[in-house]
């Protein structure tokens, strides 16, 4: 199962997200749930870096199926563009969850 945690502060501003684990929908190379989540995740991080200029700390371990993206500490708010991309990420993973269910994907929100 893939566990996704989306982090926001008390005001609702995005602070980062993490994805951990492989979905287990199918075997390696054929797992469309894992591929969808991976594409949404990598595209969100790359788009924020390339298009928005917001500073982030990114950690990844491909073998473990782990990636974490946190906006740099000390930055109170992220740009409107990065916020839109984070909303798009949230919409995308929620759509995958609705289609394939809690057997393969868990999404939680954390206040930080």
N, C-alpha and C. Protein backbone atom coordinates (compact mmCIF):
# COMPACT_ATOMS: atom_id res chain seq x y z
N UNK A 1 0.84 -1.19 0.00
CA UNK A 1 0.00 0.00 0.00
C UNK A 1 0.88 1.24 0.00
N UNK A 2 0.44 2.24 -0.72
CA UNK A 2 1.11 3.54 -0.71
C UNK A 2 0.41 4.44 0.28
N UNK A 3 1.19 5.05 1.16
CA UNK A 3 0.67 6.01 2.12
C UNK A 3 1.14 7.40 1.72
N UNK A 4 0.18 8.29 1.53
CA UNK A 4 0.49 9.67 1.18
C UNK A 4 0.05 10.56 2.34
N UNK A 5 0.96 11.42 2.77
CA UNK A 5 0.65 12.39 3.81
C UNK A 5 0.84 13.78 3.22
N UNK A 6 -0.21 14.58 3.26
CA UNK A 6 -0.15 15.96 2.79
C UNK A 6 -0.15 16.85 4.02
N UNK A 7 0.87 17.69 4.11
CA UNK A 7 1.04 18.53 5.30
C UNK A 7 0.64 19.97 5.02
N UNK A 8 -0.13 20.51 5.96
CA UNK A 8 -0.54 21.91 5.89
C UNK A 8 -0.37 22.51 7.28
N UNK A 9 -0.26 23.84 7.34
CA UNK A 9 -0.21 24.48 8.65
C UNK A 9 -1.64 24.81 9.10
N UNK A 10 -1.75 25.44 10.25
CA UNK A 10 -3.07 25.75 10.83
C UNK A 10 -3.89 26.68 9.94
N UNK A 11 -3.23 27.46 9.10
CA UNK A 11 -3.93 28.37 8.19
C UNK A 11 -4.32 27.70 6.88
N UNK A 12 -3.93 26.43 6.70
CA UNK A 12 -4.28 25.71 5.48
C UNK A 12 -3.25 25.81 4.38
N UNK A 13 -2.10 26.43 4.66
CA UNK A 13 -1.03 26.54 3.66
C UNK A 13 -0.29 25.22 3.56
N UNK A 14 -0.02 24.80 2.34
CA UNK A 14 0.75 23.57 2.13
C UNK A 14 2.16 23.73 2.66
N UNK A 15 2.64 22.70 3.35
CA UNK A 15 4.00 22.69 3.87
C UNK A 15 4.83 21.57 3.25
N UNK A 16 4.16 20.60 2.61
CA UNK A 16 4.88 19.52 1.95
C UNK A 16 4.02 18.27 1.86
N UNK A 17 4.63 17.19 1.40
CA UNK A 17 3.94 15.92 1.33
C UNK A 17 4.97 14.80 1.28
N UNK A 18 4.51 13.60 1.57
CA UNK A 18 5.37 12.42 1.42
C UNK A 18 4.54 11.26 0.89
N UNK A 19 5.21 10.39 0.18
CA UNK A 19 4.62 9.15 -0.34
C UNK A 19 5.54 8.02 0.10
N UNK A 20 4.95 6.96 0.62
CA UNK A 20 5.74 5.87 1.14
C UNK A 20 5.10 4.53 0.80
N UNK A 21 5.88 3.64 0.20
CA UNK A 21 5.43 2.28 -0.07
C UNK A 21 4.96 2.10 -1.50
N UNK A 22 4.88 0.84 -1.87
CA UNK A 22 4.40 0.46 -3.21
C UNK A 22 2.95 -0.01 -3.08
N UNK A 23 2.14 0.32 -4.04
CA UNK A 23 0.70 0.06 -3.93
C UNK A 23 0.34 -1.41 -3.86
N UNK A 24 1.07 -2.25 -4.57
CA UNK A 24 0.74 -3.67 -4.58
C UNK A 24 -0.42 -4.03 -5.50
N UNK A 25 -0.80 -3.12 -6.38
CA UNK A 25 -1.90 -3.39 -7.32
C UNK A 25 -1.54 -4.51 -8.29
N UNK A 26 -0.27 -4.49 -8.75
CA UNK A 26 0.19 -5.50 -9.68
C UNK A 26 1.70 -5.66 -9.48
N UNK A 27 2.33 -6.52 -10.25
CA UNK A 27 3.76 -6.73 -10.12
C UNK A 27 4.53 -5.57 -10.75
N UNK A 28 5.82 -5.48 -10.39
CA UNK A 28 6.66 -4.38 -10.84
C UNK A 28 6.64 -4.25 -12.36
N UNK A 29 6.48 -3.05 -12.82
CA UNK A 29 6.42 -2.78 -14.25
C UNK A 29 5.01 -2.77 -14.82
N UNK A 30 4.06 -3.31 -14.06
CA UNK A 30 2.67 -3.37 -14.53
C UNK A 30 1.71 -2.71 -13.53
N UNK A 31 2.25 -2.13 -12.49
CA UNK A 31 1.42 -1.56 -11.42
C UNK A 31 0.97 -0.15 -11.81
N UNK A 32 -0.24 -0.05 -12.36
CA UNK A 32 -0.74 1.24 -12.85
C UNK A 32 -1.05 2.22 -11.73
N UNK A 33 -1.40 1.72 -10.56
CA UNK A 33 -1.66 2.61 -9.42
C UNK A 33 -0.34 3.26 -8.98
N UNK A 34 0.69 2.46 -8.83
CA UNK A 34 2.00 2.98 -8.44
C UNK A 34 2.52 3.95 -9.50
N UNK A 35 2.34 3.61 -10.77
CA UNK A 35 2.79 4.48 -11.85
C UNK A 35 2.07 5.82 -11.83
N UNK A 36 0.77 5.80 -11.58
CA UNK A 36 -0.01 7.05 -11.53
C UNK A 36 0.45 7.93 -10.37
N UNK A 37 0.62 7.32 -9.21
CA UNK A 37 1.06 8.08 -8.04
C UNK A 37 2.46 8.64 -8.27
N UNK A 38 3.35 7.82 -8.82
CA UNK A 38 4.72 8.26 -9.09
C UNK A 38 4.73 9.43 -10.06
N UNK A 39 3.95 9.34 -11.11
CA UNK A 39 3.91 10.41 -12.11
C UNK A 39 3.39 11.71 -11.51
N UNK A 40 2.32 11.62 -10.74
CA UNK A 40 1.77 12.81 -10.10
C UNK A 40 2.80 13.44 -9.15
N UNK A 41 3.47 12.60 -8.39
CA UNK A 41 4.44 13.06 -7.40
C UNK A 41 5.64 13.73 -8.05
N UNK A 42 6.27 13.03 -8.97
CA UNK A 42 7.47 13.57 -9.63
C UNK A 42 7.14 14.81 -10.44
N UNK A 43 6.01 14.80 -11.14
CA UNK A 43 5.62 15.97 -11.93
C UNK A 43 5.36 17.18 -11.03
N UNK A 44 4.73 16.96 -9.89
CA UNK A 44 4.47 18.08 -8.97
C UNK A 44 5.78 18.68 -8.48
N UNK A 45 6.70 17.84 -8.04
CA UNK A 45 7.98 18.34 -7.53
C UNK A 45 8.76 19.06 -8.64
N UNK A 46 8.86 18.43 -9.82
CA UNK A 46 9.59 19.06 -10.92
C UNK A 46 8.95 20.37 -11.36
N UNK A 47 7.63 20.42 -11.39
CA UNK A 47 6.93 21.63 -11.82
C UNK A 47 7.14 22.76 -10.82
N UNK A 48 7.08 22.46 -9.53
CA UNK A 48 7.32 23.50 -8.52
C UNK A 48 8.74 24.03 -8.65
N UNK A 49 9.71 23.13 -8.81
CA UNK A 49 11.10 23.56 -8.94
C UNK A 49 11.33 24.40 -10.19
N UNK A 50 10.81 23.94 -11.32
CA UNK A 50 11.07 24.59 -12.61
C UNK A 50 10.23 25.84 -12.85
N UNK A 51 8.98 25.82 -12.42
CA UNK A 51 8.05 26.87 -12.80
C UNK A 51 7.78 27.89 -11.71
N UNK A 52 8.00 27.51 -10.45
CA UNK A 52 7.59 28.39 -9.35
C UNK A 52 8.75 29.03 -8.61
N UNK A 53 9.84 28.33 -8.51
CA UNK A 53 10.99 28.86 -7.78
C UNK A 53 10.89 28.74 -6.28
N UNK A 54 9.87 28.06 -5.77
CA UNK A 54 9.76 27.85 -4.33
C UNK A 54 10.86 26.88 -3.88
N UNK A 55 11.43 27.14 -2.72
CA UNK A 55 12.52 26.31 -2.22
C UNK A 55 11.96 25.11 -1.46
N UNK A 56 12.52 23.93 -1.76
CA UNK A 56 12.05 22.69 -1.14
C UNK A 56 13.23 21.81 -0.77
N UNK A 57 13.00 20.95 0.22
CA UNK A 57 13.91 19.86 0.54
C UNK A 57 13.23 18.60 0.04
N UNK A 58 13.92 17.84 -0.80
CA UNK A 58 13.36 16.62 -1.36
C UNK A 58 14.28 15.46 -0.98
N UNK A 59 13.68 14.41 -0.44
CA UNK A 59 14.40 13.17 -0.12
C UNK A 59 13.69 12.04 -0.82
N UNK A 60 14.47 11.07 -1.32
CA UNK A 60 13.86 9.94 -2.01
C UNK A 60 14.68 8.67 -1.81
N UNK A 61 13.99 7.55 -1.77
CA UNK A 61 14.59 6.23 -1.74
C UNK A 61 13.73 5.35 -2.64
N UNK A 62 14.18 5.17 -3.88
CA UNK A 62 13.39 4.45 -4.87
C UNK A 62 13.13 3.00 -4.46
N UNK A 63 14.12 2.36 -3.87
CA UNK A 63 13.95 0.96 -3.45
C UNK A 63 12.83 0.81 -2.42
N UNK A 64 12.76 1.75 -1.51
CA UNK A 64 11.74 1.71 -0.45
C UNK A 64 10.41 2.31 -0.91
N UNK A 65 10.43 2.95 -2.06
CA UNK A 65 9.21 3.60 -2.54
C UNK A 65 8.87 4.81 -1.70
N UNK A 66 9.88 5.61 -1.37
CA UNK A 66 9.69 6.76 -0.49
C UNK A 66 10.15 8.03 -1.19
N UNK A 67 9.33 9.08 -1.06
CA UNK A 67 9.74 10.42 -1.49
C UNK A 67 9.06 11.43 -0.58
N UNK A 68 9.81 12.44 -0.20
CA UNK A 68 9.31 13.48 0.69
C UNK A 68 9.68 14.83 0.11
N UNK A 69 8.74 15.73 0.12
CA UNK A 69 8.95 17.09 -0.37
C UNK A 69 8.45 18.05 0.70
N UNK A 70 9.35 18.85 1.23
CA UNK A 70 8.98 19.82 2.25
C UNK A 70 9.45 21.20 1.81
N UNK A 71 8.55 22.16 1.89
CA UNK A 71 8.94 23.52 1.59
C UNK A 71 9.89 23.99 2.67
N UNK A 72 10.90 24.75 2.28
CA UNK A 72 11.97 25.17 3.19
C UNK A 72 11.39 25.84 4.44
N UNK A 73 11.95 25.48 5.58
CA UNK A 73 11.51 26.07 6.84
C UNK A 73 11.86 27.55 6.83
N UNK A 74 11.06 28.31 7.51
CA UNK A 74 11.25 29.74 7.55
C UNK A 74 10.44 30.46 6.48
N UNK A 75 9.94 29.71 5.53
CA UNK A 75 9.09 30.29 4.49
C UNK A 75 7.65 30.13 4.98
N UNK A 76 6.99 31.23 5.27
CA UNK A 76 5.66 31.14 5.86
C UNK A 76 4.61 30.73 4.83
N UNK A 77 4.70 31.24 3.65
CA UNK A 77 3.72 30.93 2.62
C UNK A 77 4.44 30.56 1.33
N UNK A 78 3.84 29.67 0.58
CA UNK A 78 4.41 29.35 -0.73
C UNK A 78 3.70 30.19 -1.79
N UNK A 79 4.26 30.22 -2.96
CA UNK A 79 3.68 31.05 -4.03
C UNK A 79 2.31 30.53 -4.43
N UNK A 80 1.54 31.41 -5.05
CA UNK A 80 0.21 31.02 -5.56
C UNK A 80 0.33 29.90 -6.59
N UNK A 81 1.39 29.96 -7.40
CA UNK A 81 1.60 28.93 -8.42
C UNK A 81 1.87 27.57 -7.79
N UNK A 82 2.72 27.55 -6.75
CA UNK A 82 3.01 26.29 -6.06
C UNK A 82 1.77 25.78 -5.33
N UNK A 83 0.98 26.67 -4.80
CA UNK A 83 -0.27 26.27 -4.15
C UNK A 83 -1.20 25.60 -5.16
N UNK A 84 -1.31 26.17 -6.35
CA UNK A 84 -2.13 25.57 -7.39
C UNK A 84 -1.62 24.17 -7.77
N UNK A 85 -0.31 24.03 -7.89
CA UNK A 85 0.25 22.72 -8.22
C UNK A 85 0.01 21.71 -7.10
N UNK A 86 0.08 22.15 -5.86
CA UNK A 86 -0.21 21.25 -4.73
C UNK A 86 -1.69 20.86 -4.71
N UNK A 87 -2.57 21.80 -5.03
CA UNK A 87 -4.00 21.46 -5.13
C UNK A 87 -4.22 20.45 -6.25
N UNK A 88 -3.51 20.61 -7.35
CA UNK A 88 -3.60 19.67 -8.45
C UNK A 88 -3.10 18.28 -8.04
N UNK A 89 -2.00 18.22 -7.29
CA UNK A 89 -1.49 16.96 -6.77
C UNK A 89 -2.54 16.29 -5.88
N UNK A 90 -3.11 17.07 -4.98
CA UNK A 90 -4.14 16.56 -4.06
C UNK A 90 -5.34 16.02 -4.85
N UNK A 91 -5.78 16.75 -5.86
CA UNK A 91 -6.88 16.31 -6.70
C UNK A 91 -6.53 15.00 -7.42
N UNK A 92 -5.32 14.94 -7.96
CA UNK A 92 -4.89 13.76 -8.69
C UNK A 92 -4.83 12.51 -7.84
N UNK A 93 -4.19 12.59 -6.67
CA UNK A 93 -4.09 11.39 -5.82
C UNK A 93 -5.45 11.01 -5.24
N UNK A 94 -6.30 12.00 -4.99
CA UNK A 94 -7.65 11.70 -4.52
C UNK A 94 -8.44 10.97 -5.60
N UNK A 95 -8.24 11.35 -6.85
CA UNK A 95 -8.92 10.67 -7.95
C UNK A 95 -8.45 9.23 -8.07
N UNK A 96 -7.15 8.99 -7.90
CA UNK A 96 -6.64 7.62 -7.93
C UNK A 96 -7.25 6.82 -6.78
N UNK A 97 -7.32 7.44 -5.61
CA UNK A 97 -7.92 6.77 -4.44
C UNK A 97 -9.38 6.40 -4.71
N UNK A 98 -10.14 7.33 -5.28
CA UNK A 98 -11.56 7.06 -5.55
C UNK A 98 -11.73 5.93 -6.56
N UNK A 99 -10.82 5.83 -7.51
CA UNK A 99 -10.95 4.80 -8.53
C UNK A 99 -10.47 3.43 -8.05
N UNK A 100 -9.39 3.38 -7.24
CA UNK A 100 -8.81 2.10 -6.88
C UNK A 100 -8.98 1.73 -5.41
N UNK A 101 -9.37 2.68 -4.58
CA UNK A 101 -9.74 2.38 -3.22
C UNK A 101 -8.63 2.23 -2.21
N UNK A 102 -9.08 2.01 -0.98
CA UNK A 102 -8.18 2.01 0.17
C UNK A 102 -7.33 0.75 0.27
N UNK A 103 -7.55 -0.21 -0.58
CA UNK A 103 -6.71 -1.41 -0.57
C UNK A 103 -5.29 -1.09 -1.05
N UNK A 104 -5.15 -0.08 -1.92
CA UNK A 104 -3.87 0.23 -2.53
C UNK A 104 -3.29 1.59 -2.14
N UNK A 105 -4.13 2.46 -1.60
CA UNK A 105 -3.71 3.83 -1.35
C UNK A 105 -4.40 4.38 -0.11
N UNK A 106 -3.61 5.06 0.71
CA UNK A 106 -4.12 5.75 1.89
C UNK A 106 -3.64 7.20 1.83
N UNK A 107 -4.57 8.14 2.00
CA UNK A 107 -4.21 9.56 2.00
C UNK A 107 -4.62 10.13 3.34
N UNK A 108 -3.68 10.82 3.97
CA UNK A 108 -4.02 11.51 5.22
C UNK A 108 -3.47 12.92 5.18
N UNK A 109 -4.07 13.75 5.99
CA UNK A 109 -3.66 15.15 6.09
C UNK A 109 -3.11 15.37 7.49
N UNK A 110 -2.04 16.14 7.56
CA UNK A 110 -1.35 16.36 8.83
C UNK A 110 -1.14 17.85 9.01
N UNK A 111 -1.46 18.35 10.18
CA UNK A 111 -1.20 19.75 10.47
C UNK A 111 0.19 19.85 11.10
N UNK A 112 1.01 20.71 10.49
CA UNK A 112 2.38 20.89 11.00
C UNK A 112 2.65 22.33 11.32
